Amino acid sequence: MRMTLARRAVLTALVQHPERKTHSYELGKALGMGSGTLSPLLKGLWSEGLLLSEWEPGSEVKGRPLRRYYWLAPHQVGAVRTLLGIDPV
């Protein structure tokens, strides 16, 4: 697994509150990352099994597209903390 600065930033943000579901727009805004960088990164982390994701409930939200939420897979929190060099809790 290649650890880029963007990947490190995303994992660091998510490991702070691993059970919290965050949508990509919110995460991108907090990290100053555009969707062109963030979306493929999140999809890659999801396909590697580090993240879980789900679409926002509801078939239609007026005025905006449905959001996809991401959060760390509970069984991967320890591995991500180790990968980032963060002491386990």
Foldseek 3Di string as FASTA:
>chain_A
DDDDPVLLLLLVVQLVPQVDWDFQVRSCVVVVHDCVPRVVSQVVCVVVVQKDKDWDDDPDDPPDDITIIIGGDVVCSVVSCVVSVHDDD
